[in-house]
């Protein structure tokens, strides 16, 4: 299950700080994938359609659709991070604790 990173085999045997660094490296990799940004693009298109053509006239419906798109975005982010945990752990094992700073530039 990608929504809980507690039991992921890629993070086994790491302390809290190391887990955070591996997740940061995975997030850095995930940001490069175009499908991560698809919910944001869908929301922008929805807002433009709503503004121009009043696709959803009720305020409650507009907020509900926005909330659904937000939930889809969060799930999408979690899936992307889970996908890149294995390569992030390999880089962390190779470079050590300086891996997060080296890869992310921070």
N, C-alpha and C. Protein backbone atom coordinates (compact mmCIF):
# COMPACT_ATOMS: atom_id res chain seq x y z
N UNK A 1 0.85 -1.18 0.00
CA UNK A 1 0.00 0.00 0.00
C UNK A 1 0.88 1.23 0.00
N UNK A 2 0.80 2.06 -1.01
CA UNK A 2 1.69 3.21 -1.11
C UNK A 2 1.31 4.37 -0.20
N UNK A 3 0.14 4.32 0.46
CA UNK A 3 -0.29 5.46 1.26
C UNK A 3 0.34 5.48 2.63
N UNK A 4 0.86 4.37 3.08
CA UNK A 4 1.55 4.30 4.35
C UNK A 4 2.98 3.87 4.10
N UNK A 5 3.90 4.77 4.34
CA UNK A 5 5.30 4.47 4.08
C UNK A 5 5.96 3.77 5.26
N UNK A 6 5.24 3.46 6.31
CA UNK A 6 5.82 2.85 7.50
C UNK A 6 6.34 1.44 7.24
N UNK A 7 5.63 0.67 6.43
CA UNK A 7 5.99 -0.74 6.23
C UNK A 7 6.61 -0.99 4.87
N UNK A 8 7.11 0.00 4.24
CA UNK A 8 7.72 -0.18 2.93
C UNK A 8 9.07 -0.87 3.08
N UNK A 9 9.34 -1.91 2.29
CA UNK A 9 10.62 -2.62 2.41
C UNK A 9 11.81 -1.73 2.02
N UNK A 10 11.56 -0.71 1.21
CA UNK A 10 12.65 0.19 0.82
C UNK A 10 13.15 1.03 1.99
N UNK A 11 12.30 1.22 2.98
CA UNK A 11 12.67 2.05 4.14
C UNK A 11 13.05 1.22 5.36
N UNK A 12 13.08 -0.09 5.22
CA UNK A 12 13.38 -0.97 6.35
C UNK A 12 14.83 -0.76 6.81
N UNK A 13 15.00 -0.71 8.10
CA UNK A 13 16.32 -0.60 8.68
C UNK A 13 16.88 0.81 8.74
N UNK A 14 16.08 1.80 8.44
CA UNK A 14 16.55 3.20 8.47
C UNK A 14 15.96 3.92 9.66
N UNK A 15 16.72 4.86 10.19
CA UNK A 15 16.18 5.69 11.26
C UNK A 15 15.28 6.77 10.65
N UNK A 16 14.67 7.57 11.50
CA UNK A 16 13.69 8.56 11.05
C UNK A 16 14.31 9.56 10.08
N UNK A 17 15.49 10.05 10.38
CA UNK A 17 16.15 11.05 9.52
C UNK A 17 16.49 10.46 8.16
N UNK A 18 16.98 9.23 8.15
CA UNK A 18 17.33 8.58 6.88
C UNK A 18 16.09 8.30 6.04
N UNK A 19 15.00 7.91 6.69
CA UNK A 19 13.74 7.70 5.95
C UNK A 19 13.29 9.00 5.29
N UNK A 20 13.40 10.08 6.02
CA UNK A 20 13.00 11.38 5.48
C UNK A 20 13.86 11.74 4.28
N UNK A 21 15.15 11.45 4.35
CA UNK A 21 16.03 11.76 3.22
C UNK A 21 15.72 10.89 2.01
N UNK A 22 15.41 9.62 2.22
CA UNK A 22 15.05 8.74 1.10
C UNK A 22 13.75 9.21 0.47
N UNK A 23 12.77 9.59 1.29
CA UNK A 23 11.51 10.11 0.74
C UNK A 23 11.73 11.41 -0.01
N UNK A 24 12.65 12.24 0.47
CA UNK A 24 12.96 13.50 -0.21
C UNK A 24 13.59 13.24 -1.58
N UNK A 25 14.47 12.27 -1.66
CA UNK A 25 15.08 11.91 -2.95
C UNK A 25 14.00 11.37 -3.90
N UNK A 26 13.12 10.51 -3.37
CA UNK A 26 12.03 9.96 -4.20
C UNK A 26 11.11 11.07 -4.68
N UNK A 27 10.81 12.04 -3.82
CA UNK A 27 9.97 13.17 -4.21
C UNK A 27 10.67 14.00 -5.29
N UNK A 28 11.96 14.15 -5.19
CA UNK A 28 12.72 14.88 -6.20
C UNK A 28 12.62 14.19 -7.56
N UNK A 29 12.72 12.87 -7.57
CA UNK A 29 12.56 12.11 -8.82
C UNK A 29 11.13 12.20 -9.34
N UNK A 30 10.16 12.11 -8.45
CA UNK A 30 8.75 12.11 -8.84
C UNK A 30 8.34 13.43 -9.48
N UNK A 31 8.95 14.52 -9.06
CA UNK A 31 8.59 15.83 -9.62
C UNK A 31 8.93 15.94 -11.09
N UNK A 32 9.82 15.10 -11.56
CA UNK A 32 10.23 15.15 -12.97
C UNK A 32 9.26 14.43 -13.89
N UNK A 33 8.30 13.69 -13.34
CA UNK A 33 7.38 12.93 -14.17
C UNK A 33 6.15 13.78 -14.48
N UNK A 34 5.76 13.84 -15.75
CA UNK A 34 4.70 14.76 -16.17
C UNK A 34 3.34 14.39 -15.59
N UNK A 35 3.09 13.11 -15.31
CA UNK A 35 1.77 12.73 -14.81
C UNK A 35 1.53 13.23 -13.39
N UNK A 36 2.58 13.62 -12.70
CA UNK A 36 2.39 14.19 -11.37
C UNK A 36 1.60 15.49 -11.44
N UNK A 37 1.74 16.21 -12.53
CA UNK A 37 1.12 17.52 -12.67
C UNK A 37 -0.25 17.47 -13.36
N UNK A 38 -0.69 16.28 -13.74
CA UNK A 38 -1.97 16.14 -14.43
C UNK A 38 -3.17 16.64 -13.62
N UNK A 39 -3.28 16.36 -12.31
CA UNK A 39 -4.43 16.90 -11.56
C UNK A 39 -4.43 18.43 -11.51
N UNK A 40 -3.27 19.03 -11.43
CA UNK A 40 -3.22 20.50 -11.43
C UNK A 40 -3.69 21.05 -12.77
N UNK A 41 -3.27 20.41 -13.84
CA UNK A 41 -3.73 20.83 -15.17
C UNK A 41 -5.23 20.65 -15.30
N UNK A 42 -5.76 19.53 -14.81
CA UNK A 42 -7.20 19.28 -14.87
C UNK A 42 -7.96 20.33 -14.06
N UNK A 43 -7.42 20.73 -12.92
CA UNK A 43 -8.09 21.74 -12.11
C UNK A 43 -8.08 23.09 -12.81
N UNK A 44 -6.98 23.44 -13.44
CA UNK A 44 -6.91 24.72 -14.16
C UNK A 44 -7.93 24.73 -15.31
N UNK A 45 -8.02 23.62 -16.04
CA UNK A 45 -9.01 23.52 -17.12
C UNK A 45 -10.42 23.63 -16.55
N UNK A 46 -10.67 22.96 -15.44
CA UNK A 46 -11.99 23.03 -14.80
C UNK A 46 -12.32 24.46 -14.38
N UNK A 47 -11.38 25.16 -13.78
CA UNK A 47 -11.63 26.55 -13.35
C UNK A 47 -11.90 27.44 -14.57
N UNK A 48 -11.12 27.25 -15.63
CA UNK A 48 -11.37 28.05 -16.83
C UNK A 48 -12.74 27.76 -17.44
N UNK A 49 -13.13 26.50 -17.49
CA UNK A 49 -14.45 26.15 -18.01
C UNK A 49 -15.56 26.69 -17.12
N UNK A 50 -15.33 26.65 -15.82
CA UNK A 50 -16.32 27.18 -14.89
C UNK A 50 -16.44 28.70 -15.02
N UNK A 51 -15.31 29.36 -15.15
CA UNK A 51 -15.32 30.82 -15.25
C UNK A 51 -15.94 31.29 -16.56
N UNK A 52 -15.59 30.64 -17.63
CA UNK A 52 -16.04 31.07 -18.95
C UNK A 52 -17.46 30.60 -19.29
N UNK A 53 -17.74 29.31 -19.02
CA UNK A 53 -18.99 28.72 -19.46
C UNK A 53 -19.92 28.30 -18.33
N UNK A 54 -19.54 28.56 -17.11
CA UNK A 54 -20.35 28.20 -15.94
C UNK A 54 -20.76 26.73 -15.97
N UNK A 55 -19.75 25.87 -16.14
CA UNK A 55 -19.98 24.43 -16.22
C UNK A 55 -20.67 23.92 -14.96
N UNK A 56 -20.25 24.40 -13.83
CA UNK A 56 -20.85 24.02 -12.55
C UNK A 56 -21.39 25.29 -11.90
N UNK A 57 -22.69 25.55 -12.02
CA UNK A 57 -23.22 26.83 -11.55
C UNK A 57 -23.28 26.96 -10.02
N UNK A 58 -23.44 25.86 -9.33
CA UNK A 58 -23.57 25.93 -7.87
C UNK A 58 -22.20 25.99 -7.20
N UNK A 59 -22.09 26.83 -6.18
CA UNK A 59 -20.83 26.97 -5.46
C UNK A 59 -20.45 25.69 -4.73
N UNK A 60 -21.44 25.01 -4.19
CA UNK A 60 -21.20 23.76 -3.47
C UNK A 60 -20.62 22.69 -4.41
N UNK A 61 -21.16 22.58 -5.60
CA UNK A 61 -20.65 21.62 -6.58
C UNK A 61 -19.24 21.97 -7.02
N UNK A 62 -18.99 23.26 -7.18
CA UNK A 62 -17.65 23.71 -7.56
C UNK A 62 -16.64 23.31 -6.49
N UNK A 63 -16.98 23.54 -5.24
CA UNK A 63 -16.08 23.17 -4.14
C UNK A 63 -15.91 21.65 -4.04
N UNK A 64 -16.96 20.91 -4.31
CA UNK A 64 -16.87 19.46 -4.28
C UNK A 64 -15.94 18.93 -5.37
N UNK A 65 -16.05 19.45 -6.57
CA UNK A 65 -15.17 19.03 -7.65
C UNK A 65 -13.72 19.42 -7.33
N UNK A 66 -13.53 20.60 -6.78
CA UNK A 66 -12.18 21.03 -6.38
C UNK A 66 -11.61 20.10 -5.31
N UNK A 67 -12.42 19.71 -4.36
CA UNK A 67 -11.97 18.78 -3.32
C UNK A 67 -11.62 17.42 -3.90
N UNK A 68 -12.41 16.92 -4.83
CA UNK A 68 -12.13 15.64 -5.47
C UNK A 68 -10.81 15.70 -6.24
N UNK A 69 -10.60 16.78 -6.97
CA UNK A 69 -9.34 16.94 -7.71
C UNK A 69 -8.16 17.01 -6.74
N UNK A 70 -8.33 17.66 -5.60
CA UNK A 70 -7.28 17.73 -4.60
C UNK A 70 -6.95 16.34 -4.05
N UNK A 71 -7.96 15.55 -3.75
CA UNK A 71 -7.74 14.20 -3.24
C UNK A 71 -7.03 13.35 -4.30
N UNK A 72 -7.44 13.48 -5.55
CA UNK A 72 -6.76 12.75 -6.63
C UNK A 72 -5.30 13.18 -6.73
N UNK A 73 -5.04 14.46 -6.54
CA UNK A 73 -3.66 14.96 -6.59
C UNK A 73 -2.82 14.36 -5.46
N UNK A 74 -3.37 14.29 -4.26
CA UNK A 74 -2.63 13.73 -3.13
C UNK A 74 -2.35 12.24 -3.35
N UNK A 75 -3.34 11.51 -3.82
CA UNK A 75 -3.14 10.08 -4.10
C UNK A 75 -2.10 9.91 -5.20
N UNK A 76 -2.15 10.74 -6.21
CA UNK A 76 -1.19 10.69 -7.30
C UNK A 76 0.23 10.95 -6.80
N UNK A 77 0.39 11.91 -5.92
CA UNK A 77 1.70 12.21 -5.35
C UNK A 77 2.22 11.01 -4.56
N UNK A 78 1.36 10.40 -3.76
CA UNK A 78 1.79 9.25 -2.97
C UNK A 78 2.21 8.07 -3.85
N UNK A 79 1.47 7.85 -4.94
CA UNK A 79 1.84 6.78 -5.88
C UNK A 79 3.19 7.07 -6.53
N UNK A 80 3.42 8.31 -6.89
CA UNK A 80 4.69 8.65 -7.53
C UNK A 80 5.87 8.49 -6.56
N UNK A 81 5.68 8.94 -5.33
CA UNK A 81 6.76 8.78 -4.35
C UNK A 81 7.03 7.29 -4.11
N UNK A 82 5.98 6.49 -3.99
CA UNK A 82 6.15 5.05 -3.77
C UNK A 82 6.88 4.40 -4.94
N UNK A 83 6.62 4.89 -6.15
CA UNK A 83 7.27 4.33 -7.34
C UNK A 83 8.78 4.58 -7.32
N UNK A 84 9.20 5.72 -6.80
CA UNK A 84 10.61 6.08 -6.84
C UNK A 84 11.36 5.79 -5.54
N UNK A 85 10.74 5.09 -4.60
CA UNK A 85 11.43 4.78 -3.34
C UNK A 85 12.60 3.82 -3.55
N UNK A 86 12.44 2.85 -4.41
CA UNK A 86 13.50 1.86 -4.62
C UNK A 86 14.76 2.50 -5.20
N UNK A 87 14.67 3.31 -6.28
CA UNK A 87 15.89 3.97 -6.76
C UNK A 87 16.45 4.98 -5.76
N UNK A 88 15.55 5.63 -5.01
CA UNK A 88 16.02 6.59 -4.00
C UNK A 88 16.80 5.87 -2.91
N UNK A 89 16.33 4.70 -2.51
CA UNK A 89 17.06 3.94 -1.48
C UNK A 89 18.41 3.47 -2.01
N UNK A 90 18.46 3.08 -3.28
CA UNK A 90 19.74 2.64 -3.86
C UNK A 90 20.74 3.79 -3.88
N UNK A 91 20.29 4.98 -4.23
CA UNK A 91 21.18 6.14 -4.22
C UNK A 91 21.60 6.48 -2.80
N UNK A 92 20.66 6.39 -1.86
CA UNK A 92 20.99 6.67 -0.46
C UNK A 92 22.02 5.67 0.06
N UNK A 93 21.86 4.40 -0.28
CA UNK A 93 22.83 3.39 0.16
C UNK A 93 24.19 3.62 -0.47
N UNK A 94 24.21 4.12 -1.69
CA UNK A 94 25.47 4.36 -2.39
C UNK A 94 26.19 5.60 -1.87
N UNK A 95 25.45 6.69 -1.68
CA UNK A 95 26.07 7.97 -1.31
C UNK A 95 26.02 8.29 0.18
N UNK A 96 25.18 7.59 0.92
CA UNK A 96 25.09 7.85 2.36
C UNK A 96 24.19 9.02 2.67
N UNK A 97 24.44 9.65 3.81
CA UNK A 97 23.56 10.72 4.28
C UNK A 97 23.68 11.99 3.45
N UNK A 98 24.73 12.13 2.67
CA UNK A 98 24.88 13.31 1.82
C UNK A 98 24.10 13.17 0.52
N UNK A 99 23.43 12.05 0.31
CA UNK A 99 22.71 11.80 -0.94
C UNK A 99 21.61 12.81 -1.17
N UNK A 100 20.83 13.11 -0.15
CA UNK A 100 19.71 14.04 -0.32
C UNK A 100 20.20 15.42 -0.71
N UNK A 101 21.27 15.88 -0.08
CA UNK A 101 21.82 17.19 -0.43
C UNK A 101 22.40 17.18 -1.83
N UNK A 102 23.05 16.09 -2.20
CA UNK A 102 23.67 15.99 -3.53
C UNK A 102 22.61 15.94 -4.63
N UNK A 103 21.59 15.14 -4.44
CA UNK A 103 20.58 14.95 -5.48
C UNK A 103 19.65 16.15 -5.59
N UNK A 104 19.16 16.65 -4.46
CA UNK A 104 18.19 17.73 -4.50
C UNK A 104 18.82 19.11 -4.58
N UNK A 105 20.08 19.21 -4.31
CA UNK A 105 20.75 20.50 -4.39
C UNK A 105 20.54 21.39 -3.19
N UNK A 106 20.04 20.82 -2.10
CA UNK A 106 19.83 21.61 -0.88
C UNK A 106 20.86 21.27 0.15
